[in-house]
């Protein structure tokens, strides 16, 4: 079942790569919200909500990856490999990373002296074709979800052109391990002229 509905999309190009911005609502999340309200439940944190939304996006782009250990979350109808990231923009401490989650947690560049964070970003971008970054901050009563579909090549270009290198640097390369959500949103506003 496709639960994402009433989707409005717009596209913009960044250095020849097409980025899509979309907003819609998730019917499944909307029903969950009604049940939570009816029974006085409260969902706290992004992990459960993020999992539900990730499932909706897997159905939206195509089908689930062949394994939970795959470097991507979904395979699109056109064969493209997608990585889905969900974040709550209302959380001021929230950040976003474009590397494998295990690398983000284990930080091999820091503890084992193996490369720099940008090496791991490039490795992840080589494994997937597209990133889908979803904002879960507005799912409340109306089930609204805003998201961006970004080609991996655009992610690399944003780092290479120093659009995203001004964050909190964790290693000597000038590339931060993770990107603050405010920096991500400001970049997307700039790309979409908003």
C-alpha atoms as a PDB file:
ATOM      1  CA  UNK A   1       0.000   0.000   0.000  1.00  0.00           C
ATOM      2  CA  UNK A   2       1.283   3.438  -0.928  1.00  0.00           C
ATOM      3  CA  UNK A   3       0.676   5.648   2.058  1.00  0.00           C
ATOM      4  CA  UNK A   4       2.241   8.880   0.743  1.00  0.00           C
ATOM      5  CA  UNK A   5      -0.483  11.027  -0.794  1.00  0.00           C
ATOM      6  CA  UNK A   6      -1.180  14.531  -2.151  1.00  0.00           C
ATOM      7  CA  UNK A   7       2.457  14.942  -3.134  1.00  0.00           C
ATOM      8  CA  UNK A   8       3.600  18.300  -4.478  1.00  0.00           C
ATOM      9  CA  UNK A   9       7.053  18.383  -6.099  1.00  0.00           C
ATOM     10  CA  UNK A  10       9.451  20.962  -7.422  1.00  0.00           C
ATOM     11  CA  UNK A  11      12.898  20.489  -8.933  1.00  0.00           C
ATOM     12  CA  UNK A  12      16.021  22.593  -9.100  1.00  0.00           C
ATOM     13  CA  UNK A  13      19.464  21.997 -10.513  1.00  0.00           C
ATOM     14  CA  UNK A  14      22.701  22.266  -8.612  1.00  0.00           C
ATOM     15  CA  UNK A  15      25.730  22.192 -10.914  1.00  0.00           C
ATOM     16  CA  UNK A  16      23.818  20.120 -13.465  1.00  0.00           C
ATOM     17  CA  UNK A  17      22.333  17.646 -10.967  1.00  0.00           C
ATOM     18  CA  UNK A  18      18.574  17.649 -10.436  1.00  0.00           C
ATOM     19  CA  UNK A  19      17.369  17.844  -6.833  1.00  0.00           C
ATOM     20  CA  UNK A  20      13.701  17.346  -6.006  1.00  0.00           C
ATOM     21  CA  UNK A  21      11.870  18.926  -3.079  1.00  0.00           C
ATOM     22  CA  UNK A  22       8.487  17.453  -2.183  1.00  0.00           C
ATOM     23  CA  UNK A  23       5.811  17.663   0.459  1.00  0.00           C
ATOM     24  CA  UNK A  24       2.878  15.353   1.056  1.00  0.00           C
ATOM     25  CA  UNK A  25       1.177  13.499   3.811  1.00  0.00           C
ATOM     26  CA  UNK A  26       1.394   9.927   5.001  1.00  0.00           C
ATOM     27  CA  UNK A  27      -2.041   8.325   5.398  1.00  0.00           C
ATOM     28  CA  UNK A  28      -0.655   5.561   7.625  1.00  0.00           C
ATOM     29  CA  UNK A  29       1.012   8.040  10.000  1.00  0.00           C
ATOM     30  CA  UNK A  30      -2.194  10.096  10.001  1.00  0.00           C
ATOM     31  CA  UNK A  31      -4.159   7.022  11.162  1.00  0.00           C
ATOM     32  CA  UNK A  32      -1.508   6.246  13.799  1.00  0.00           C
ATOM     33  CA  UNK A  33      -1.782   9.827  15.060  1.00  0.00           C
ATOM     34  CA  UNK A  34      -5.563   9.455  15.415  1.00  0.00           C
ATOM     35  CA  UNK A  35      -5.168   6.186  17.327  1.00  0.00           C
ATOM     36  CA  UNK A  36      -2.489   7.685  19.574  1.00  0.00           C
ATOM     37  CA  UNK A  37      -4.787  10.602  20.372  1.00  0.00           C
ATOM     38  CA  UNK A  38      -7.778   8.318  20.969  1.00  0.00           C
ATOM     39  CA  UNK A  39      -5.904   6.062  23.399  1.00  0.00           C
ATOM     40  CA  UNK A  40      -3.741   8.780  25.002  1.00  0.00           C
ATOM     41  CA  UNK A  41      -0.441   7.411  23.697  1.00  0.00           C
ATOM     42  CA  UNK A  42       2.600   9.498  22.943  1.00  0.00           C
ATOM     43  CA  UNK A  43       5.348   8.517  20.531  1.00  0.00           C
ATOM     44  CA  UNK A  44       8.633   9.991  21.687  1.00  0.00           C
ATOM     45  CA  UNK A  45      11.807  10.122  19.621  1.00  0.00           C
ATOM     46  CA  UNK A  46      12.552   9.727  15.949  1.00  0.00           C
ATOM     47  CA  UNK A  47      13.430   6.022  15.790  1.00  0.00           C
ATOM     48  CA  UNK A  48       9.905   4.509  15.664  1.00  0.00           C
ATOM     49  CA  UNK A  49       8.477   7.357  13.627  1.00  0.00           C
ATOM     50  CA  UNK A  50      11.560   7.254  11.410  1.00  0.00           C
ATOM     51  CA  UNK A  51      11.085   3.533  10.817  1.00  0.00           C
ATOM     52  CA  UNK A  52       7.421   4.022   9.832  1.00  0.00           C
ATOM     53  CA  UNK A  53       8.314   6.868   7.498  1.00  0.00           C
ATOM     54  CA  UNK A  54      11.258   4.972   6.013  1.00  0.00           C
ATOM     55  CA  UNK A  55       8.871   2.092   5.228  1.00  0.00           C
ATOM     56  CA  UNK A  56       6.511   4.529   3.485  1.00  0.00           C
ATOM     57  CA  UNK A  57       9.385   5.890   1.393  1.00  0.00           C
ATOM     58  CA  UNK A  58      10.620   2.401   0.496  1.00  0.00           C
ATOM     59  CA  UNK A  59       7.158   1.742  -0.934  1.00  0.00           C
ATOM     60  CA  UNK A  60       7.185   5.156  -2.625  1.00  0.00           C
ATOM     61  CA  UNK A  61      10.506   4.719  -4.485  1.00  0.00           C
ATOM     62  CA  UNK A  62      10.273   0.995  -5.252  1.00  0.00           C
ATOM     63  CA  UNK A  63      11.075  -2.003  -3.118  1.00  0.00           C
ATOM     64  CA  UNK A  64      13.093  -2.803  -0.034  1.00  0.00           C
ATOM     65  CA  UNK A  65      16.794  -3.677  -0.302  1.00  0.00           C
ATOM     66  CA  UNK A  66      17.586  -7.374  -0.654  1.00  0.00           C
ATOM     67  CA  UNK A  67      19.247  -7.454   2.786  1.00  0.00           C
ATOM     68  CA  UNK A  68      19.300  -5.381   5.953  1.00  0.00           C
ATOM     69  CA  UNK A  69      23.090  -5.288   5.508  1.00  0.00           C
ATOM     70  CA  UNK A  70      22.867  -3.727   2.050  1.00  0.00           C
ATOM     71  CA  UNK A  71      24.444  -0.292   1.603  1.00  0.00           C
ATOM     72  CA  UNK A  72      21.044   1.086   0.525  1.00  0.00           C
ATOM     73  CA  UNK A  73      17.501   1.036   1.898  1.00  0.00           C
ATOM     74  CA  UNK A  74      15.491   0.714  -1.307  1.00  0.00           C
ATOM     75  CA  UNK A  75      15.780  -0.027  -4.993  1.00  0.00           C
ATOM     76  CA  UNK A  76      13.729   2.262  -7.203  1.00  0.00           C
ATOM     77  CA  UNK A  77      11.467   1.218 -10.035  1.00  0.00           C
ATOM     78  CA  UNK A  78      14.244   2.385 -12.376  1.00  0.00           C
ATOM     79  CA  UNK A  79      16.906   0.299 -10.590  1.00  0.00           C
ATOM     80  CA  UNK A  80      18.485   3.209  -8.685  1.00  0.00           C
ATOM     81  CA  UNK A  81      19.700   2.488  -5.154  1.00  0.00           C
ATOM     82  CA  UNK A  82      18.255   4.817  -2.502  1.00  0.00           C
ATOM     83  CA  UNK A  83      19.434   5.684   0.999  1.00  0.00           C
ATOM     84  CA  UNK A  84      16.678   7.133   3.186  1.00  0.00           C
ATOM     85  CA  UNK A  85      17.426   9.466   6.089  1.00  0.00           C
ATOM     86  CA  UNK A  86      14.730  10.756   8.445  1.00  0.00           C
ATOM     87  CA  UNK A  87      15.394  13.615  10.827  1.00  0.00           C
ATOM     88  CA  UNK A  88      13.304  15.826  13.082  1.00  0.00           C
ATOM     89  CA  UNK A  89      14.099  19.421  12.153  1.00  0.00           C
ATOM     90  CA  UNK A  90      12.419  20.657  15.348  1.00  0.00           C
ATOM     91  CA  UNK A  91      15.319  19.161  17.329  1.00  0.00           C
ATOM     92  CA  UNK A  92      18.038  21.860  17.367  1.00  0.00           C
ATOM     93  CA  UNK A  93      20.777  19.274  18.003  1.00  0.00           C
ATOM     94  CA  UNK A  94      19.815  17.051  15.100  1.00  0.00           C
ATOM     95  CA  UNK A  95      22.381  16.436  12.393  1.00  0.00           C
ATOM     96  CA  UNK A  96      22.632  14.489   9.185  1.00  0.00           C
ATOM     97  CA  UNK A  97      25.379  12.292   7.780  1.00  0.00           C
ATOM     98  CA  UNK A  98      25.980  11.000   4.285  1.00  0.00           C
ATOM     99  CA  UNK A  99      28.128   8.012   5.196  1.00  0.00           C
ATOM    100  CA  UNK A 100      27.303   4.503   6.341  1.00  0.00           C
ATOM    101  CA  UNK A 101      25.667   4.570   9.772  1.00  0.00           C
ATOM    102  CA  UNK A 102      28.266   2.146  11.163  1.00  0.00           C
ATOM    103  CA  UNK A 103      31.066   4.442   9.994  1.00  0.00           C
ATOM    104  CA  UNK A 104      29.326   7.423  11.556  1.00  0.00           C
ATOM    105  CA  UNK A 105      29.148   5.609  14.894  1.00  0.00           C
ATOM    106  CA  UNK A 106      32.510   3.831  14.851  1.00  0.00           C
ATOM    107  CA  UNK A 107      34.540   6.701  13.318  1.00  0.00           C
ATOM    108  CA  UNK A 108      37.393   4.610  11.879  1.00  0.00           C
ATOM    109  CA  UNK A 109      39.268   7.775  10.847  1.00  0.00           C
ATOM    110  CA  UNK A 110      39.452   8.843  14.475  1.00  0.00           C
ATOM    111  CA  UNK A 111      40.090   5.579  16.315  1.00  0.00           C
ATOM    112  CA  UNK A 112      41.990   3.530  13.758  1.00  0.00           C
ATOM    113  CA  UNK A 113      43.600   6.319  11.753  1.00  0.00           C
ATOM    114  CA  UNK A 114      41.929   5.071   8.572  1.00  0.00           C
ATOM    115  CA  UNK A 115      41.370   8.012   6.229  1.00  0.00           C
ATOM    116  CA  UNK A 116      39.210  11.081   6.717  1.00  0.00           C
ATOM    117  CA  UNK A 117      35.422  11.527   7.071  1.00  0.00           C
ATOM    118  CA  UNK A 118      35.145  12.616   3.425  1.00  0.00           C
ATOM    119  CA  UNK A 119      36.583   9.228   2.341  1.00  0.00           C
ATOM    120  CA  UNK A 120      33.604   7.526   4.002  1.00  0.00           C
ATOM    121  CA  UNK A 121      31.134   9.998   2.500  1.00  0.00           C
ATOM    122  CA  UNK A 122      32.554   9.236  -0.966  1.00  0.00           C
ATOM    123  CA  UNK A 123      32.388   5.489  -0.230  1.00  0.00           C
ATOM    124  CA  UNK A 124      28.688   5.722   0.676  1.00  0.00           C
ATOM    125  CA  UNK A 125      27.911   7.922  -2.321  1.00  0.00           C
ATOM    126  CA  UNK A 126      29.620   5.380  -4.594  1.00  0.00           C
ATOM    127  CA  UNK A 127      27.342   2.644  -3.203  1.00  0.00           C
ATOM    128  CA  UNK A 128      24.027   4.499  -3.643  1.00  0.00           C
ATOM    129  CA  UNK A 129      22.563   6.582  -6.457  1.00  0.00           C
ATOM    130  CA  UNK A 130      20.159   8.792  -4.488  1.00  0.00           C
ATOM    131  CA  UNK A 131      19.600  10.084  -0.967  1.00  0.00           C
ATOM    132  CA  UNK A 132      16.119  10.842   0.300  1.00  0.00           C
ATOM    133  CA  UNK A 133      16.194  13.181   3.311  1.00  0.00           C
ATOM    134  CA  UNK A 134      12.845  13.439   5.103  1.00  0.00           C
ATOM    135  CA  UNK A 135      11.821  15.925   7.795  1.00  0.00           C
ATOM    136  CA  UNK A 136       9.574  14.334  10.436  1.00  0.00           C
ATOM    137  CA  UNK A 137       8.944  17.520  12.430  1.00  0.00           C
ATOM    138  CA  UNK A 138       5.482  18.199  10.931  1.00  0.00           C
ATOM    139  CA  UNK A 139       3.882  14.768  11.029  1.00  0.00           C
ATOM    140  CA  UNK A 140       1.801  15.743  14.096  1.00  0.00           C
ATOM    141  CA  UNK A 141      -1.935  16.031  13.479  1.00  0.00           C
ATOM    142  CA  UNK A 142      -1.842  16.256   9.680  1.00  0.00           C
ATOM    143  CA  UNK A 143       0.838  13.667   8.884  1.00  0.00           C
ATOM    144  CA  UNK A 144       2.807  16.132   6.715  1.00  0.00           C
ATOM    145  CA  UNK A 145       6.236  15.096   5.499  1.00  0.00           C
ATOM    146  CA  UNK A 146       8.708  17.244   3.616  1.00  0.00           C
ATOM    147  CA  UNK A 147      11.598  15.616   1.769  1.00  0.00           C
ATOM    148  CA  UNK A 148      14.408  16.102  -0.703  1.00  0.00           C
ATOM    149  CA  UNK A 149      15.623  13.625  -3.312  1.00  0.00           C
ATOM    150  CA  UNK A 150      19.321  14.298  -3.897  1.00  0.00           C
ATOM    151  CA  UNK A 151      21.655  12.465  -6.287  1.00  0.00           C
ATOM    152  CA  UNK A 152      24.845  11.139  -4.666  1.00  0.00           C
ATOM    153  CA  UNK A 153      26.888  13.120  -7.195  1.00  0.00           C
ATOM    154  CA  UNK A 154      25.257  16.325  -5.921  1.00  0.00           C
ATOM    155  CA  UNK A 155      26.208  15.395  -2.335  1.00  0.00           C
ATOM    156  CA  UNK A 156      29.859  15.000  -3.377  1.00  0.00           C
ATOM    157  CA  UNK A 157      29.676  18.267  -5.343  1.00  0.00           C
ATOM    158  CA  UNK A 158      28.244  20.128  -2.314  1.00  0.00           C
ATOM    159  CA  UNK A 159      31.173  18.924  -0.214  1.00  0.00           C
ATOM    160  CA  UNK A 160      33.746  19.588  -2.956  1.00  0.00           C
ATOM    161  CA  UNK A 161      32.466  23.136  -3.500  1.00  0.00           C
ATOM    162  CA  UNK A 162      32.714  23.803   0.239  1.00  0.00           C
ATOM    163  CA  UNK A 163      28.966  24.360   0.640  1.00  0.00           C
ATOM    164  CA  UNK A 164      28.973  21.908   3.544  1.00  0.00           C
ATOM    165  CA  UNK A 165      32.531  22.123   4.843  1.00  0.00           C
ATOM    166  CA  UNK A 166      31.943  24.886   7.368  1.00  0.00           C
ATOM    167  CA  UNK A 167      30.430  22.701  10.063  1.00  0.00           C
ATOM    168  CA  UNK A 168      32.008  21.387  13.225  1.00  0.00           C
ATOM    169  CA  UNK A 169      35.125  19.597  11.967  1.00  0.00           C
ATOM    170  CA  UNK A 170      35.939  16.288  13.650  1.00  0.00           C
ATOM    171  CA  UNK A 171      39.085  15.469  11.675  1.00  0.00           C
ATOM    172  CA  UNK A 172      41.809  17.340   9.817  1.00  0.00           C
ATOM    173  CA  UNK A 173      40.261  17.342   6.326  1.00  0.00           C
ATOM    174  CA  UNK A 174      37.885  20.271   6.791  1.00  0.00           C
ATOM    175  CA  UNK A 175      34.905  17.988   6.124  1.00  0.00           C
ATOM    176  CA  UNK A 176      32.634  17.452   9.134  1.00  0.00           C
ATOM    177  CA  UNK A 177      31.495  13.955  10.064  1.00  0.00           C
ATOM    178  CA  UNK A 178      27.898  15.133  10.182  1.00  0.00           C
ATOM    179  CA  UNK A 179      26.078  18.166   8.905  1.00  0.00           C
ATOM    180  CA  UNK A 180      23.807  20.293  11.050  1.00  0.00           C
ATOM    181  CA  UNK A 181      20.213  20.255   9.870  1.00  0.00           C
ATOM    182  CA  UNK A 182      20.111  24.038   9.806  1.00  0.00           C
ATOM    183  CA  UNK A 183      23.035  24.066   7.353  1.00  0.00           C
ATOM    184  CA  UNK A 184      21.292  21.428   5.217  1.00  0.00           C
ATOM    185  CA  UNK A 185      18.010  23.403   5.165  1.00  0.00           C
ATOM    186  CA  UNK A 186      19.764  26.682   4.423  1.00  0.00           C
ATOM    187  CA  UNK A 187      21.534  25.042   1.474  1.00  0.00           C
ATOM    188  CA  UNK A 188      18.268  23.611   0.157  1.00  0.00           C
ATOM    189  CA  UNK A 189      16.572  27.036   0.507  1.00  0.00           C
ATOM    190  CA  UNK A 190      19.461  28.583  -1.433  1.00  0.00           C
ATOM    191  CA  UNK A 191      19.232  25.942  -4.194  1.00  0.00           C
ATOM    192  CA  UNK A 192      15.445  26.354  -4.473  1.00  0.00           C
ATOM    193  CA  UNK A 193      15.636  30.185  -4.238  1.00  0.00           C
ATOM    194  CA  UNK A 194      13.436  30.433  -1.137  1.00  0.00           C
END
